[in-house]
PDB file of N, CA and C in Angstrom:
ATOM      1  N   MET A   1     203.678  75.907 235.757  1.00  0.00           N
ATOM      2  CA  MET A   1     202.428  76.320 236.349  1.00  0.00           C
ATOM      3  C   MET A   1     201.583  77.113 235.358  1.00  0.00           C
ATOM      4  N   ASN A   2     202.265  77.937 234.568  1.00  0.00           N
ATOM      5  CA  ASN A   2     201.563  78.743 233.579  1.00  0.00           C
ATOM      6  C   ASN A   2     200.925  77.877 232.497  1.00  0.00           C
ATOM      7  N   THR A   3     201.616  76.832 232.073  1.00  0.00           N
ATOM      8  CA  THR A   3     201.079  75.959 231.033  1.00  0.00           C
ATOM      9  C   THR A   3     199.867  75.189 231.535  1.00  0.00           C
ATOM     10  N   ILE A   4     199.874  74.822 232.813  1.00  0.00           N
ATOM     11  CA  ILE A   4     198.713  74.120 233.378  1.00  0.00           C
ATOM     12  C   ILE A   4     197.507  75.056 233.405  1.00  0.00           C
ATOM     13  N   ARG A   5     197.739  76.292 233.793  1.00  0.00           N
ATOM     14  CA  ARG A   5     196.638  77.270 233.848  1.00  0.00           C
ATOM     15  C   ARG A   5     196.064  77.516 232.444  1.00  0.00           C
ATOM     16  N   ILE A   6     196.917  77.672 231.449  1.00  0.00           N
ATOM     17  CA  ILE A   6     196.464  77.897 230.069  1.00  0.00           C
ATOM     18  C   ILE A   6     195.723  76.671 229.550  1.00  0.00           C
ATOM     19  N   THR A   7     196.222  75.490 229.874  1.00  0.00           N
ATOM     20  CA  THR A   7     195.565  74.258 229.451  1.00  0.00           C
ATOM     21  C   THR A   7     194.179  74.141 230.070  1.00  0.00           C
ATOM     22  N   ILE A   8     194.053  74.445 231.337  1.00  0.00           N
ATOM     23  CA  ILE A   8     192.753  74.376 232.017  1.00  0.00           C
ATOM     24  C   ILE A   8     191.784  75.404 231.422  1.00  0.00           C
ATOM     25  N   ILE A   9     192.265  76.590 231.133  1.00  0.00           N
ATOM     26  CA  ILE A   9     191.408  77.623 230.535  1.00  0.00           C
ATOM     27  C   ILE A   9     190.941  77.193 229.149  1.00  0.00           C
ATOM     28  N   LEU A  10     191.843  76.657 228.340  1.00  0.00           N
ATOM     29  CA  LEU A  10     191.466  76.206 226.999  1.00  0.00           C
ATOM     30  C   LEU A  10     190.480  75.045 227.057  1.00  0.00           C
ATOM     31  N   LEU A  11     190.690  74.121 227.993  1.00  0.00           N
ATOM     32  CA  LEU A  11     189.743  73.013 228.147  1.00  0.00           C
ATOM     33  C   LEU A  11     188.373  73.523 228.599  1.00  0.00           C
ATOM     34  N   GLY A  12     188.377  74.496 229.502  1.00  0.00           N
ATOM     35  CA  GLY A  12     187.111  75.079 229.962  1.00  0.00           C
ATOM     36  C   GLY A  12     186.358  75.767 228.832  1.00  0.00           C
ATOM     37  N   VAL A  13     187.090  76.512 228.030  1.00  0.00           N
ATOM     38  CA  VAL A  13     186.466  77.178 226.879  1.00  0.00           C
ATOM     39  C   VAL A  13     185.942  76.138 225.889  1.00  0.00           C
ATOM     40  N   GLY A  14     186.701  75.092 225.663  1.00  0.00           N
ATOM     41  CA  GLY A  14     186.261  74.027 224.752  1.00  0.00           C
ATOM     42  C   GLY A  14     185.001  73.337 225.231  1.00  0.00           C
ATOM     43  N   VAL A  15     184.921  73.094 226.550  1.00  0.00           N
ATOM     44  CA  VAL A  15     183.722  72.464 227.112  1.00  0.00           C
ATOM     45  C   VAL A  15     182.518  73.385 226.956  1.00  0.00           C
ATOM     46  N   LEU A  16     182.698  74.669 227.220  1.00  0.00           N
ATOM     47  CA  LEU A  16     181.588  75.618 227.094  1.00  0.00           C
ATOM     48  C   LEU A  16     181.112  75.761 225.652  1.00  0.00           C
ATOM     49  N   ILE A  17     182.033  75.743 224.717  1.00  0.00           N
ATOM     50  CA  ILE A  17     181.646  75.821 223.305  1.00  0.00           C
ATOM     51  C   ILE A  17     180.916  74.548 222.889  1.00  0.00           C
ATOM     52  N   GLY A  18     181.349  73.413 223.397  1.00  0.00           N
ATOM     53  CA  GLY A  18     180.706  72.146 223.064  1.00  0.00           C
ATOM     54  C   GLY A  18     179.294  72.035 223.603  1.00  0.00           C
ATOM     55  N   CYS A  19     178.970  72.790 224.638  1.00  0.00           N
ATOM     56  CA  CYS A  19     177.637  72.735 225.234  1.00  0.00           C
ATOM     57  C   CYS A  19     176.684  73.782 224.663  1.00  0.00           C
ATOM     58  N   ALA A  20     177.111  74.545 223.687  1.00  0.00           N
ATOM     59  CA  ALA A  20     176.252  75.594 223.124  1.00  0.00           C
ATOM     60  C   ALA A  20     175.086  74.962 222.373  1.00  0.00           C
ATOM     61  N   ASN A  21     173.925  75.591 222.474  1.00  0.00           N
ATOM     62  CA  ASN A  21     172.738  75.099 221.769  1.00  0.00           C
ATOM     63  C   ASN A  21     172.846  75.418 220.288  1.00  0.00           C
ATOM     64  N   GLU A  22     172.499  74.443 219.480  1.00  0.00           N
ATOM     65  CA  GLU A  22     172.485  74.657 218.041  1.00  0.00           C
ATOM     66  C   GLU A  22     171.098  75.136 217.624  1.00  0.00           C
ATOM     67  N   ALA A  23     171.049  75.807 216.493  1.00  0.00           N
ATOM     68  CA  ALA A  23     169.753  76.269 215.972  1.00  0.00           C
ATOM     69  C   ALA A  23     168.896  75.066 215.595  1.00  0.00           C
ATOM     70  N   ARG A  24     167.584  75.240 215.698  1.00  0.00           N
ATOM     71  CA  ARG A  24     166.680  74.149 215.350  1.00  0.00           C
ATOM     72  C   ARG A  24     166.826  73.795 213.877  1.00  0.00           C
ATOM     73  N   LEU A  25     166.660  72.515 213.575  1.00  0.00           N
ATOM     74  CA  LEU A  25     166.775  72.038 212.206  1.00  0.00           C
ATOM     75  C   LEU A  25     165.645  72.626 211.365  1.00  0.00           C
ATOM     76  N   GLY A  26     165.963  73.253 210.272  1.00  0.00           N
ATOM     77  CA  GLY A  26     164.964  73.845 209.392  1.00  0.00           C
ATOM     78  C   GLY A  26     164.536  75.243 209.783  1.00  0.00           C
ATOM     79  N   HIS A  27     165.165  75.817 210.781  1.00  0.00           N
ATOM     80  CA  HIS A  27     164.774  77.154 211.247  1.00  0.00           C
ATOM     81  C   HIS A  27     164.959  78.203 210.149  1.00  0.00           C
ATOM     82  N   HIS A  28     166.069  78.143 209.436  1.00  0.00           N
ATOM     83  CA  HIS A  28     166.331  79.139 208.398  1.00  0.00           C
ATOM     84  C   HIS A  28     165.379  78.966 207.218  1.00  0.00           C
ATOM     85  N   VAL A  29     165.057  77.730 206.862  1.00  0.00           N
ATOM     86  CA  VAL A  29     164.116  77.493 205.767  1.00  0.00           C
ATOM     87  C   VAL A  29     162.744  78.043 206.125  1.00  0.00           C
ATOM     88  N   ALA A  30     162.314  77.811 207.353  1.00  0.00           N
ATOM     89  CA  ALA A  30     161.014  78.322 207.787  1.00  0.00           C
ATOM     90  C   ALA A  30     160.996  79.844 207.811  1.00  0.00           C
ATOM     91  N   SER A  31     162.077  80.462 208.225  1.00  0.00           N
ATOM     92  CA  SER A  31     162.102  81.928 208.262  1.00  0.00           C
ATOM     93  C   SER A  31     162.102  82.516 206.853  1.00  0.00           C
ATOM     94  N   VAL A  32     162.818  81.897 205.916  1.00  0.00           N
ATOM     95  CA  VAL A  32     162.813  82.380 204.535  1.00  0.00           C
ATOM     96  C   VAL A  32     161.427  82.209 203.926  1.00  0.00           C
ATOM     97  N   ARG A  33     160.783  81.077 204.189  1.00  0.00           N
ATOM     98  CA  ARG A  33     159.443  80.838 203.658  1.00  0.00           C
ATOM     99  C   ARG A  33     158.457  81.866 204.198  1.00  0.00           C
ATOM    100  N   SER A  34     158.528  82.166 205.477  1.00  0.00           N
ATOM    101  CA  SER A  34     157.601  83.136 206.052  1.00  0.00           C
ATOM    102  C   SER A  34     157.859  84.541 205.518  1.00  0.00           C
ATOM    103  N   GLU A  35     159.089  84.852 205.171  1.00  0.00           N
ATOM    104  CA  GLU A  35     159.392  86.163 204.606  1.00  0.00           C
ATOM    105  C   GLU A  35     158.944  86.277 203.157  1.00  0.00           C
ATOM    106  N   GLN A  36     158.853  85.159 202.446  1.00  0.00           N
ATOM    107  CA  GLN A  36     158.449  85.195 201.050  1.00  0.00           C
ATOM    108  C   GLN A  36     156.936  85.245 200.890  1.00  0.00           C
ATOM    109  N   VAL A  37     156.194  84.851 201.891  1.00  0.00           N
ATOM    110  CA  VAL A  37     154.734  84.851 201.816  1.00  0.00           C
ATOM    111  C   VAL A  37     154.236  86.230 202.226  1.00  0.00           C
ATOM    112  N   TYR A  38     153.546  86.900 201.305  1.00  0.00           N
ATOM    113  CA  TYR A  38     153.060  88.249 201.589  1.00  0.00           C
ATOM    114  C   TYR A  38     151.865  88.214 202.526  1.00  0.00           C
ATOM    115  N   ASN A  39     150.905  87.353 202.235  1.00  0.00           N
ATOM    116  CA  ASN A  39     149.705  87.259 203.060  1.00  0.00           C
ATOM    117  C   ASN A  39     149.425  85.787 203.346  1.00  0.00           C
ATOM    118  N   PRO A  40     149.846  85.259 204.484  1.00  0.00           N
ATOM    119  CA  PRO A  40     149.634  83.840 204.770  1.00  0.00           C
ATOM    120  C   PRO A  40     148.169  83.480 204.993  1.00  0.00           C
ATOM    121  N   ASN A  41     147.295  84.434 205.234  1.00  0.00           N
ATOM    122  CA  ASN A  41     145.872  84.155 205.456  1.00  0.00           C
ATOM    123  C   ASN A  41     145.039  84.386 204.205  1.00  0.00           C
ATOM    124  N   ALA A  42     145.650  84.425 203.037  1.00  0.00           N
ATOM    125  CA  ALA A  42     144.924  84.732 201.807  1.00  0.00           C
ATOM    126  C   ALA A  42     143.852  83.691 201.505  1.00  0.00           C
ATOM    127  N   THR A  43     144.109  82.424 201.779  1.00  0.00           N
ATOM    128  CA  THR A  43     143.102  81.406 201.481  1.00  0.00           C
ATOM    129  C   THR A  43     141.874  81.566 202.356  1.00  0.00           C
ATOM    130  N   LYS A  44     142.049  81.924 203.599  1.00  0.00           N
ATOM    131  CA  LYS A  44     140.910  82.122 204.503  1.00  0.00           C
ATOM    132  C   LYS A  44     140.138  83.390 204.156  1.00  0.00           C
ATOM    133  N   GLU A  45     140.845  84.443 203.768  1.00  0.00           N
ATOM    134  CA  GLU A  45     140.201  85.722 203.487  1.00  0.00           C
ATOM    135  C   GLU A  45     139.453  85.726 202.161  1.00  0.00           C
ATOM    136  N   ASN A  46     139.811  84.851 201.229  1.00  0.00           N
ATOM    137  CA  ASN A  46     139.203  84.855 199.901  1.00  0.00           C
ATOM    138  C   ASN A  46     138.231  83.707 199.679  1.00  0.00           C
ATOM    139  N   GLU A  47     137.727  83.098 200.740  1.00  0.00           N
ATOM    140  CA  GLU A  47     136.781  81.993 200.570  1.00  0.00           C
ATOM    141  C   GLU A  47     135.495  82.446 199.903  1.00  0.00           C
ATOM    142  N   SER A  48     135.061  83.671 200.138  1.00  0.00           N
ATOM    143  CA  SER A  48     133.815  84.152 199.538  1.00  0.00           C
ATOM    144  C   SER A  48     133.975  84.441 198.050  1.00  0.00           C
ATOM    145  N   VAL A  49     135.190  84.574 197.562  1.00  0.00           N
ATOM    146  CA  VAL A  49     135.424  84.869 196.150  1.00  0.00           C
ATOM    147  C   VAL A  49     135.274  83.618 195.299  1.00  0.00           C
ATOM    148  N   ILE A  50     135.609  82.468 195.846  1.00  0.00           N
ATOM    149  CA  ILE A  50     135.570  81.215 195.099  1.00  0.00           C
ATOM    150  C   ILE A  50     134.121  80.763 194.968  1.00  0.00           C
ATOM    151  N   PRO A  51     133.617  80.653 193.746  1.00  0.00           N
ATOM    152  CA  PRO A  51     132.228  80.225 193.573  1.00  0.00           C
ATOM    153  C   PRO A  51     132.075  78.727 193.820  1.00  0.00           C
ATOM    154  N   LEU A  52     130.903  78.346 194.265  1.00  0.00           N
ATOM    155  CA  LEU A  52     130.606  76.937 194.496  1.00  0.00           C
ATOM    156  C   LEU A  52     129.997  76.343 193.243  1.00  0.00           C
ATOM    157  N   GLY A  53     130.226  75.071 193.012  1.00  0.00           N
ATOM    158  CA  GLY A  53     129.608  74.417 191.869  1.00  0.00           C
ATOM    159  C   GLY A  53     130.419  73.234 191.395  1.00  0.00           C
ATOM    160  N   SER A  54     129.771  72.409 190.587  1.00  0.00           N
ATOM    161  CA  SER A  54     130.450  71.244 190.027  1.00  0.00           C
ATOM    162  C   SER A  54     131.200  71.659 188.768  1.00  0.00           C
ATOM    163  N   GLY A  55     131.886  70.727 188.165  1.00  0.00           N
ATOM    164  CA  GLY A  55     132.651  71.024 186.961  1.00  0.00           C
ATOM    165  C   GLY A  55     131.777  71.439 185.798  1.00  0.00           C
ATOM    166  N   GLU A  56     130.617  70.811 185.665  1.00  0.00           N
ATOM    167  CA  GLU A  56     129.719  71.164 184.569  1.00  0.00           C
ATOM    168  C   GLU A  56     129.165  72.570 184.753  1.00  0.00           C
ATOM    169  N   ARG A  57     128.859  72.941 185.980  1.00  0.00           N
ATOM    170  CA  ARG A  57     128.327  74.277 186.237  1.00  0.00           C
ATOM    171  C   ARG A  57     129.400  75.334 186.045  1.00  0.00           C
ATOM    172  N   MET A  58     130.643  74.983 186.343  1.00  0.00           N
ATOM    173  CA  MET A  58     131.732  75.955 186.264  1.00  0.00           C
ATOM    174  C   MET A  58     132.316  76.073 184.854  1.00  0.00           C
ATOM    175  N   GLU A  59     131.944  75.173 183.961  1.00  0.00           N
ATOM    176  CA  GLU A  59     132.517  75.202 182.619  1.00  0.00           C
ATOM    177  C   GLU A  59     132.169  76.502 181.892  1.00  0.00           C
ATOM    178  N   GLY A  60     130.942  76.965 182.038  1.00  0.00           N
ATOM    179  CA  GLY A  60     130.539  78.216 181.393  1.00  0.00           C
ATOM    180  C   GLY A  60     131.317  79.404 181.926  1.00  0.00           C
ATOM    181  N   ALA A  61     131.510  79.450 183.232  1.00  0.00           N
ATOM    182  CA  ALA A  61     132.280  80.547 183.824  1.00  0.00           C
ATOM    183  C   ALA A  61     133.730  80.495 183.366  1.00  0.00           C
ATOM    184  N   TYR A  62     134.276  79.295 183.246  1.00  0.00           N
ATOM    185  CA  TYR A  62     135.663  79.156 182.801  1.00  0.00           C
ATOM    186  C   TYR A  62     135.813  79.599 181.349  1.00  0.00           C
ATOM    187  N   GLN A  63     134.844  79.227 180.508  1.00  0.00           N
ATOM    188  CA  GLN A  63     134.905  79.627 179.103  1.00  0.00           C
ATOM    189  C   GLN A  63     134.789  81.142 178.965  1.00  0.00           C
ATOM    190  N   THR A  64     133.952  81.755 179.786  1.00  0.00           N
ATOM    191  CA  THR A  64     133.841  83.213 179.770  1.00  0.00           C
ATOM    192  C   THR A  64     135.147  83.847 180.238  1.00  0.00           C
ATOM    193  N   TYR A  65     135.763  83.266 181.247  1.00  0.00           N
ATOM    194  CA  TYR A  65     137.011  83.797 181.800  1.00  0.00           C
ATOM    195  C   TYR A  65     138.143  83.725 180.779  1.00  0.00           C
ATOM    196  N   THR A  66     138.252  82.586 180.078  1.00  0.00           N
ATOM    197  CA  THR A  66     139.344  82.416 179.123  1.00  0.00           C
ATOM    198  C   THR A  66     139.033  83.023 177.770  1.00  0.00           C
ATOM    199  N   GLY A  67     137.759  83.235 177.471  1.00  0.00           N
ATOM    200  CA  GLY A  67     137.379  83.779 176.175  1.00  0.00           C
ATOM    201  C   GLY A  67     137.359  82.735 175.083  1.00  0.00           C
ATOM    202  N   ILE A  68     137.505  81.474 175.425  1.00  0.00           N
ATOM    203  CA  ILE A  68     137.493  80.387 174.449  1.00  0.00           C
ATOM    204  C   ILE A  68     136.221  79.582 174.661  1.00  0.00           C
ATOM    205  N   GLN A  69     135.397  79.520 173.631  1.00  0.00           N
ATOM    206  CA  GLN A  69     134.177  78.725 173.720  1.00  0.00           C
ATOM    207  C   GLN A  69     134.476  77.328 173.184  1.00  0.00           C
ATOM    208  N   SER A  70     134.259  76.336 174.003  1.00  0.00           N
ATOM    209  CA  SER A  70     134.557  74.958 173.619  1.00  0.00           C
ATOM    210  C   SER A  70     133.304  74.121 173.790  1.00  0.00           C
ATOM    211  N   ASP A  71     132.783  73.636 172.669  1.00  0.00           N
ATOM    212  CA  ASP A  71     131.609  72.764 172.727  1.00  0.00           C
ATOM    213  C   ASP A  71     132.013  71.299 172.814  1.00  0.00           C
ATOM    214  N   SER A  72     133.314  71.026 172.700  1.00  0.00           N
ATOM    215  CA  SER A  72     133.761  69.633 172.699  1.00  0.00           C
ATOM    216  C   SER A  72     133.748  69.012 174.088  1.00  0.00           C
ATOM    217  N   LEU A  73     133.826  69.820 175.128  1.00  0.00           N
ATOM    218  CA  LEU A  73     133.828  69.274 176.483  1.00  0.00           C
ATOM    219  C   LEU A  73     132.411  69.227 177.025  1.00  0.00           C
ATOM    220  N   LYS A  74     131.949  68.064 177.308  1.00  0.00           N
ATOM    221  CA  LYS A  74     130.630  67.882 177.904  1.00  0.00           C
ATOM    222  C   LYS A  74     130.767  66.907 179.060  1.00  0.00           C
ATOM    223  N   GLY A  75     130.218  67.234 180.188  1.00  0.00           N
ATOM    224  CA  GLY A  75     130.216  66.332 181.330  1.00  0.00           C
ATOM    225  C   GLY A  75     131.604  66.055 181.848  1.00  0.00           C
ATOM    226  N   THR A  76     132.001  64.787 181.801  1.00  0.00           N
ATOM    227  CA  THR A  76     133.274  64.390 182.395  1.00  0.00           C
ATOM    228  C   THR A  76     134.374  64.191 181.363  1.00  0.00           C
ATOM    229  N   ASN A  77     134.174  64.659 180.128  1.00  0.00           N
ATOM    230  CA  ASN A  77     135.232  64.545 179.122  1.00  0.00           C
ATOM    231  C   ASN A  77     136.419  65.400 179.530  1.00  0.00           C
ATOM    232  N   SER A  78     137.594  64.978 179.120  1.00  0.00           N
ATOM    233  CA  SER A  78     138.797  65.705 179.511  1.00  0.00           C
ATOM    234  C   SER A  78     139.721  65.865 178.321  1.00  0.00           C
ATOM    235  N   GLN A  79     140.207  67.084 178.114  1.00  0.00           N
ATOM    236  CA  GLN A  79     141.177  67.319 177.053  1.00  0.00           C
ATOM    237  C   GLN A  79     142.500  66.643 177.369  1.00  0.00           C
ATOM    238  N   VAL A  80     142.845  66.557 178.627  1.00  0.00           N
ATOM    239  CA  VAL A  80     144.114  65.952 179.019  1.00  0.00           C
ATOM    240  C   VAL A  80     144.123  64.475 178.650  1.00  0.00           C
ATOM    241  N   LEU A  81     143.044  63.770 178.974  1.00  0.00           N
ATOM    242  CA  LEU A  81     142.987  62.344 178.665  1.00  0.00           C
ATOM    243  C   LEU A  81     142.925  62.111 177.166  1.00  0.00           C
ATOM    244  N   ASP A  82     142.249  62.994 176.425  1.00  0.00           N
ATOM    245  CA  ASP A  82     142.214  62.852 174.975  1.00  0.00           C
ATOM    246  C   ASP A  82     143.609  63.024 174.387  1.00  0.00           C
ATOM    247  N   GLY A  83     144.418  63.896 174.955  1.00  0.00           N
ATOM    248  CA  GLY A  83     145.775  64.110 174.469  1.00  0.00           C
ATOM    249  C   GLY A  83     146.665  62.899 174.686  1.00  0.00           C
ATOM    250  N   PHE A  84     146.439  62.149 175.764  1.00  0.00           N
ATOM    251  CA  PHE A  84     147.241  60.959 176.031  1.00  0.00           C
ATOM    252  C   PHE A  84     146.851  59.795 175.137  1.00  0.00           C
ATOM    253  N   ALA A  85     145.624  59.792 174.640  1.00  0.00           N
ATOM    254  CA  ALA A  85     145.142  58.666 173.841  1.00  0.00           C
ATOM    255  C   ALA A  85     145.771  58.655 172.458  1.00  0.00           C
ATOM    256  N   GLN A  86     146.293  59.768 171.989  1.00  0.00           N
ATOM    257  CA  GLN A  86     146.842  59.838 170.629  1.00  0.00           C
ATOM    258  C   GLN A  86     148.199  59.230 170.540  1.00  0.00           C
TER     259      GLN A  86
END
C-alpha cells in the first residue's frame, strides 16, 4: 500500500512539473539587450542635431569635422569605389 501511495505521489509531481510554463523564447536575450542600452530613445531625442542636406552640401561640414580638406571628391565620386578599381 505504501509503494502505491509513493508511486501516485511521484507520478503527480511528475505531471505537475511537466505542465510548468517555460520562459518565452528569446526572453533572456531581450532583457540583456534592454539592459545594455542606456537611452533607447536617443534617435528620437537627437533628430534636431542631425543637419539636413545632400552629400554635396554635407561634404564641407564633414571636411571641417575631420580636419582633412579633400578636393578630390566632387559630386558623386567615391573613395571606396576608387579603392576597388585598383
